[in-house]
Protein backbone atom coordinates (compact mmCIF):
# COMPACT_ATOMS: atom_id res chain seq x y z
CA MET A 1 -21.72 2.68 30.14
CA PRO A 2 -18.91 0.17 30.57
CA LEU A 3 -15.37 1.25 29.74
CA VAL A 4 -13.05 -1.70 29.28
CA PRO A 5 -9.46 -1.89 30.59
CA ALA A 6 -6.48 -1.90 28.27
CA ARG A 7 -5.43 -5.38 27.22
CA GLN A 8 -2.62 -7.11 25.38
CA PRO A 9 -3.46 -6.68 21.67
CA PRO A 10 -3.48 -9.65 19.27
CA PHE A 11 -1.03 -7.76 17.04
CA ASP A 12 0.91 -4.52 17.40
CA ILE A 13 -0.67 -1.47 15.73
CA VAL A 14 1.74 1.48 15.84
CA ARG A 15 -0.47 4.34 14.62
CA SER A 16 -2.87 5.63 12.00
CA SER A 17 -0.77 5.95 8.84
CA PHE A 18 -2.72 6.81 5.68
CA LEU A 19 -6.13 7.50 4.20
CA GLU A 20 -7.21 6.72 0.66
CA LEU A 21 -10.05 8.82 -0.75
CA GLY A 22 -11.97 8.55 -4.00
CA VAL A 23 -12.25 11.94 -5.72
CA SER A 24 -13.97 12.98 -8.93
CA ASP A 25 -11.32 15.36 -10.33
CA LEU A 26 -7.63 14.87 -9.48
CA ASP A 27 -6.56 18.27 -10.83
CA ARG A 28 -9.15 20.06 -8.69
CA SER A 29 -8.19 17.99 -5.64
CA ARG A 30 -4.49 18.65 -6.23
CA ASP A 31 -5.15 22.40 -6.31
CA PHE A 32 -6.92 22.15 -2.95
CA TYR A 33 -4.54 19.83 -1.09
CA VAL A 34 -1.18 20.84 -2.59
CA GLU A 35 -1.55 24.46 -3.73
CA ARG A 36 -3.86 25.67 -0.94
CA LEU A 37 -3.25 23.42 2.09
CA GLY A 38 0.43 22.79 1.37
CA PHE A 39 0.73 18.99 1.18
CA VAL A 40 3.86 17.60 -0.47
CA GLU A 41 3.25 15.70 -3.72
CA SER A 42 5.29 12.49 -3.64
CA ASP A 43 3.97 10.94 -6.85
CA GLY A 44 1.21 11.15 -9.41
CA GLU A 45 0.64 7.75 -10.98
CA GLY A 46 -2.20 7.43 -13.48
CA ASP A 47 -5.43 7.75 -11.53
CA ALA A 48 -3.78 8.29 -8.12
CA LEU A 49 -2.03 11.14 -6.34
CA TYR A 50 0.23 10.39 -3.35
CA LEU A 51 0.65 13.16 -0.77
CA ARG A 52 2.47 13.58 2.55
CA GLY A 53 3.03 16.11 5.32
CA LEU A 54 6.13 18.22 5.77
CA GLU A 55 7.69 16.18 8.58
CA GLU A 56 6.78 12.77 7.19
CA THR A 57 9.47 10.48 5.80
CA SER A 58 6.81 8.00 4.69
CA HIS A 59 6.13 8.19 0.95
CA HIS A 60 2.50 9.15 1.60
CA SER A 61 -0.18 9.60 4.23
CA LEU A 62 -2.96 10.62 1.85
CA VAL A 63 -3.87 8.91 -1.42
CA LEU A 64 -6.36 10.56 -3.76
CA ARG A 65 -7.72 8.16 -6.36
CA ARG A 66 -10.02 9.09 -9.24
CA THR A 67 -13.44 7.43 -8.82
CA ARG A 68 -16.85 7.98 -10.38
CA GLU A 69 -18.24 9.26 -7.09
CA PRO A 70 -16.64 10.53 -3.87
CA LEU A 71 -15.83 7.65 -1.51
CA ALA A 72 -13.69 6.78 1.48
CA LEU A 73 -11.73 3.83 0.11
CA ARG A 74 -9.65 2.62 3.08
CA LEU A 75 -8.10 3.59 6.40
CA GLY A 76 -4.46 2.62 6.86
CA PHE A 77 -2.69 1.58 10.04
CA ARG A 78 0.98 0.76 10.44
CA VAL A 79 1.98 -2.35 12.39
CA ALA A 80 5.32 -3.02 14.04
CA SER A 81 6.52 -5.88 11.80
CA GLU A 82 5.56 -8.26 9.02
CA ALA A 83 4.98 -10.87 11.73
CA ASP A 84 2.14 -8.65 12.93
CA LEU A 85 0.56 -8.90 9.49
CA GLU A 86 0.47 -12.67 9.95
CA LYS A 87 -1.09 -12.27 13.39
CA ALA A 88 -3.63 -9.79 12.04
CA GLN A 89 -4.60 -12.18 9.25
CA GLY A 90 -5.24 -14.96 11.75
CA TYR A 91 -7.17 -12.65 14.08
CA PHE A 92 -9.57 -11.29 11.46
CA SER A 93 -9.97 -14.68 9.78
CA GLU A 94 -11.19 -16.13 13.09
CA LEU A 95 -13.77 -13.33 13.22
CA GLY A 96 -15.03 -14.35 9.77
CA CYS A 97 -13.88 -11.14 8.07
CA ASP A 98 -12.84 -10.98 4.41
CA VAL A 99 -9.02 -10.82 4.48
CA GLU A 100 -6.58 -10.42 1.58
CA ARG A 101 -2.78 -10.34 1.54
CA LEU A 102 -1.37 -8.14 -1.21
CA GLU A 103 1.59 -6.09 -2.36
CA ARG A 104 0.90 -2.34 -2.55
CA PRO A 105 2.92 0.27 -4.46
CA HIS A 106 5.23 2.14 -2.05
CA ARG A 107 3.91 0.19 0.99
CA GLY A 108 4.93 -3.36 0.13
CA PRO A 109 3.31 -6.33 1.94
CA SER A 110 -0.10 -5.34 3.24
CA LEU A 111 -3.24 -6.85 4.67
CA SER A 112 -6.64 -5.67 3.45
CA VAL A 113 -9.67 -6.45 5.59
CA ARG A 114 -13.22 -5.24 6.11
CA ASP A 115 -13.68 -5.14 9.88
CA PRO A 116 -16.83 -6.49 11.59
CA LEU A 117 -18.45 -3.05 11.26
CA GLY A 118 -17.84 -3.01 7.50
CA VAL A 119 -15.00 -0.46 7.57
CA PRO A 120 -12.27 -1.16 4.94
CA LEU A 121 -8.92 -1.26 6.72
CA GLU A 122 -5.39 -1.86 5.49
CA PHE A 123 -2.40 -2.78 7.62
CA HIS A 124 1.21 -2.44 6.49
CA ALA A 125 4.57 -2.93 8.19
CA GLY A 126 6.83 -0.86 5.93
CA ILE A 127 6.70 1.99 3.45
CA GLU A 128 9.04 3.66 0.99
CA ARG A 129 11.15 6.31 2.71
CA VAL A 130 11.55 9.82 1.31
CA ALA A 131 13.31 13.02 2.40
CA ARG A 132 11.28 15.05 4.83
CA LYS A 133 10.55 18.73 4.23
CA LEU A 134 10.44 19.79 7.89
CA GLN A 135 13.34 22.23 7.66
CA ARG A 136 12.87 23.22 4.04
CA TYR A 137 11.07 26.32 5.25
CA GLY A 138 11.20 28.08 1.92
CA GLU A 139 8.89 25.37 0.52
CA HIS A 140 6.26 25.59 3.30
CA ARG A 141 2.89 27.09 2.43
CA GLY A 142 -0.81 27.03 3.27
CA ALA A 143 -1.56 25.19 6.50
CA LYS A 144 1.96 23.70 6.62
CA PRO A 145 0.52 20.21 7.24
CA ALA A 146 3.02 18.23 9.30
CA ARG A 147 1.56 14.71 9.48
CA ILE A 148 -1.55 12.60 9.58
CA ASP A 149 -2.94 12.38 13.11
CA HIS A 150 -6.25 10.52 13.33
CA PHE A 151 -9.50 9.26 11.81
CA ASN A 152 -13.01 9.95 13.08
CA LEU A 153 -15.85 7.59 12.16
CA PHE A 154 -19.62 7.74 12.42
CA VAL A 155 -20.80 4.37 13.79
CA ALA A 156 -24.31 3.13 14.48
CA ASP A 157 -23.38 1.50 17.81
CA VAL A 158 -20.52 3.26 19.61
CA GLN A 159 -20.33 0.72 22.44
CA GLU A 160 -19.94 -2.18 20.01
CA ALA A 161 -17.33 -0.36 17.91
CA TYR A 162 -15.47 0.80 21.02
CA GLU A 163 -15.17 -2.73 22.37
CA GLN A 164 -13.96 -3.96 18.97
CA TYR A 165 -11.08 -1.47 18.88
CA ALA A 166 -10.31 -1.87 22.58
CA ARG A 167 -9.66 -5.55 21.83
CA LEU A 168 -7.08 -4.38 19.26
CA GLY A 169 -5.20 -2.50 21.96
CA PHE A 170 -6.57 1.02 21.41
CA ARG A 171 -6.56 2.91 24.72
CA THR A 172 -9.28 5.38 25.73
CA THR A 173 -8.42 9.01 26.43
CA GLU A 174 -11.78 10.84 26.46
CA TYR A 175 -15.43 9.93 26.01
CA THR A 176 -18.91 11.43 25.84
CA GLU A 177 -21.87 9.82 27.58
CA THR A 178 -25.60 10.53 27.72
CA GLU A 179 -27.34 12.04 30.77
CA ASP A 180 -29.45 8.90 31.38
CA ALA A 181 -29.54 7.21 34.80
CA ASP A 182 -27.61 4.43 33.10
CA PRO A 183 -25.39 6.52 30.75
CA ALA A 184 -24.69 5.25 27.24
CA LEU A 185 -21.50 5.86 25.29
CA TRP A 186 -22.10 8.47 22.57
CA ALA A 187 -18.51 9.08 21.41
CA VAL A 188 -15.02 7.91 22.35
CA TRP A 189 -11.41 8.90 21.55
CA MET A 190 -8.80 6.12 21.39
CA HIS A 191 -5.08 5.98 20.62
CA ARG A 192 -2.07 3.80 19.93
CA LYS A 193 0.70 6.38 19.45
CA GLY A 194 0.46 8.36 22.70
CA ASN A 195 -1.59 11.46 22.01
CA VAL A 196 -5.37 11.94 22.29
CA HIS A 197 -6.37 9.71 19.41
CA ASP A 198 -5.63 7.68 16.36
CA LEU A 199 -9.33 6.85 16.08
CA ALA A 200 -12.52 8.51 17.29
CA LEU A 201 -15.96 6.90 17.15
CA THR A 202 -19.09 9.08 17.11
CA SER A 203 -22.75 8.07 17.13
CA GLY A 204 -24.41 8.60 13.76
CA ARG A 205 -25.51 6.91 10.56
CA GLY A 206 -22.64 4.59 9.87
CA PRO A 207 -20.14 3.37 9.38
CA ARG A 208 -18.99 6.43 7.46
CA LEU A 209 -15.83 8.52 7.58
CA HIS A 210 -16.46 11.71 9.50
CA HIS A 211 -13.02 13.26 8.97
CA VAL A 212 -9.29 12.82 8.79
CA GLY A 213 -7.24 14.87 11.25
CA ILE A 214 -4.04 16.52 10.02
CA TRP A 215 -1.54 17.90 12.52
CA VAL A 216 -0.30 21.44 11.82
CA PRO A 217 2.49 23.23 13.71
CA SER A 218 0.60 26.11 15.33
CA VAL A 219 -2.62 28.02 15.92
CA LEU A 220 -1.36 30.70 13.54
CA ASP A 221 -1.14 28.13 10.74
CA VAL A 222 -4.83 27.32 11.26
CA ILE A 223 -5.78 31.00 11.11
CA ASN A 224 -3.57 31.59 8.07
CA THR A 225 -5.38 28.76 6.26
CA CYS A 226 -8.67 30.59 6.75
CA ASP A 227 -7.18 33.66 5.10
CA VAL A 228 -5.70 31.63 2.23
CA LEU A 229 -8.90 29.73 1.45
CA ALA A 230 -11.11 32.80 1.82
CA THR A 231 -9.07 34.72 -0.76
CA THR A 232 -8.38 31.97 -3.33
CA GLY A 233 -11.93 30.95 -4.24
CA HIS A 234 -12.40 28.33 -1.48
CA LEU A 235 -14.61 30.20 0.98
CA ASP A 236 -17.16 27.38 0.85
CA ALA A 237 -14.51 24.95 2.15
CA LEU A 238 -14.72 26.49 5.65
CA GLU A 239 -17.28 24.43 7.58
CA ARG A 240 -16.53 24.90 11.28
CA GLY A 241 -14.05 26.92 13.33
CA PRO A 242 -11.42 27.95 13.97
CA GLY A 243 -11.87 27.13 17.64
CA ARG A 244 -10.65 25.24 20.70
CA HIS A 245 -12.10 21.82 21.47
CA GLY A 246 -13.06 20.96 25.03
CA ILE A 247 -12.36 17.32 24.26
CA SER A 248 -8.63 16.99 23.41
CA ASN A 249 -7.92 20.72 24.05
CA ALA A 250 -6.92 20.91 20.37
CA PHE A 251 -7.21 24.04 18.28
CA PHE A 252 -9.12 23.08 15.13
CA LEU A 253 -10.54 24.01 11.76
CA TYR A 254 -12.89 21.76 9.78
CA LEU A 255 -12.77 21.98 5.99
CA ARG A 256 -14.65 20.30 3.15
CA ASP A 257 -12.58 19.39 0.10
CA PRO A 258 -13.96 19.78 -3.46
CA ASP A 259 -15.75 16.40 -3.16
CA GLY A 260 -17.15 17.08 0.31
CA HIS A 261 -14.64 14.95 2.26
CA ARG A 262 -14.03 16.52 5.65
CA VAL A 263 -10.50 17.45 6.79
CA GLU A 264 -9.62 18.72 10.26
CA LEU A 265 -6.55 20.88 10.80
CA TYR A 266 -5.50 20.01 14.33
CA THR A 267 -2.90 21.19 16.84
CA CYS A 268 -2.15 21.58 20.57
CA ASP A 269 -3.53 18.39 22.11
CA TYR A 270 -1.61 16.50 24.81
CA LEU A 271 0.39 13.34 25.60
CA THR A 272 -1.32 10.21 26.90
CA VAL A 273 1.61 7.80 27.10
CA ASP A 274 1.41 6.94 30.81
CA PRO A 275 -0.16 3.51 31.37
CA ASP A 276 -2.23 4.83 34.29
CA PHE A 277 -3.76 7.69 32.30
CA GLU A 278 -7.43 7.91 33.33
CA PRO A 279 -10.01 8.64 30.59
CA ILE A 280 -11.78 12.00 30.82
CA GLY A 281 -15.58 11.92 30.66
CA TRP A 282 -17.99 14.52 29.28
CA LYS A 283 -21.78 14.78 29.24
CA LEU A 284 -23.45 15.13 25.85
CA SER A 285 -25.26 18.33 26.91
CA ASP A 286 -22.09 20.10 28.07
CA PRO A 287 -21.60 23.07 25.68
CA GLN A 288 -17.85 23.05 26.33
CA ARG A 289 -17.54 19.46 25.13
CA GLN A 290 -17.61 20.43 21.45
CA THR A 291 -15.85 23.77 21.84
CA LEU A 292 -14.22 25.06 24.99
CA TRP A 293 -15.65 28.50 24.17
CA GLY A 294 -19.20 27.08 24.03
CA ALA A 295 -19.90 27.55 20.30
CA PRO A 296 -21.97 24.62 18.89
CA ALA A 297 -21.19 22.81 15.66
CA PRO A 298 -23.35 23.16 12.52
CA ARG A 299 -25.88 20.44 11.69
CA SER A 300 -23.77 19.28 8.72
CA TRP A 301 -21.01 18.30 11.15
CA PHE A 302 -23.32 15.75 12.81
CA GLU A 303 -25.07 14.47 9.69
CA GLU A 304 -22.71 14.49 6.68
CA GLY A 305 -19.84 12.10 6.06
CA SER A 306 -18.02 10.09 3.38
CA HIS A 307 -19.41 6.68 2.46
CA PHE A 308 -17.28 3.55 2.35
CA GLU A 309 -17.63 1.66 -0.92
CA GLY A 310 -19.89 -1.38 -0.59
CA THR A 311 -20.66 -0.83 3.10
CA GLU A 312 -24.24 -0.77 4.39
CA VAL A 313 -25.06 2.33 6.44
CA LYS A 314 -27.22 1.76 9.53
CA GLU A 315 -29.22 4.18 11.65
CA PRO A 316 -27.69 5.04 15.05
CA ARG A 317 -28.78 3.02 18.06
CA LEU A 318 -28.94 6.06 20.37
CA PRO A 319 -31.72 8.65 19.88
CA ALA A 320 -29.70 11.22 21.87
CA LYS A 321 -29.04 14.52 20.11
CA PRO A 322 -26.09 16.86 20.70
CA ILE A 323 -26.26 20.64 20.82
CA VAL A 324 -26.52 21.94 17.25
CA ALA A 325 -26.04 25.49 15.96
CA VAL A 326 -29.26 27.05 14.68
């Protein structure tokens, strides 16, 4: 299972920055994300709702767009400058990817591309600035979502996807490998911004979006969200947790929104900014890999995800199976 060293990226990706989801009912989605989870509503424009976390000064980190069926529409990454958009265009064009330069509302000049795996990505250098709500404590509610943290994808070939994103400058923090004599990579956590991950890649039918991770201030905010959802008609939104991950050390709660998109509330991971940080390895059969306390995840967590529009889903290359709750 070859891990590759960090390299100079072809363009400078700063961090994961936004997710755009297709939802069937904007009013129902607004009730879930704004009224229950506590996202800030920046704008509602026609068929789209723009949301952000409490500490974010970016106009949005989550876009909900009305579609006929639930879809993951695009993953957004911020780059350091508009010059990096030019570099990104040249890089993906050389790979033979479909690339489009466009002007997006609130984000300005952007680059839309479907990566070699078929995942729709969008890169942007700037975004409209707004007043943050971090210290407007009287307006905080629900989970008190602070900011977007990461994306997790199902991919059919983790090694291939890992090498693709390593070439873009993503650094490895943790990984899961099989127990074979020649171990294979089953999952990997990679970052640009200096915590455990901006992007995780997990073996499964893919590419599909597994979840978006949202940073919340504390463990108590995770637990409070369970109480809020359980007493406001959203008991079925609670899929997994709360608990403590072995990988990342983060305290977590996995939710399903009204269209089935998975959201992770996430807190208490660690810094990975040192250039000599050594990736932490786990075996697939280790029960503390999923949850430090040893509790396995439900089958839905390994099998269900959000489809990307127009992207072919392939069966996973590895037959290995993780520990699944009965």
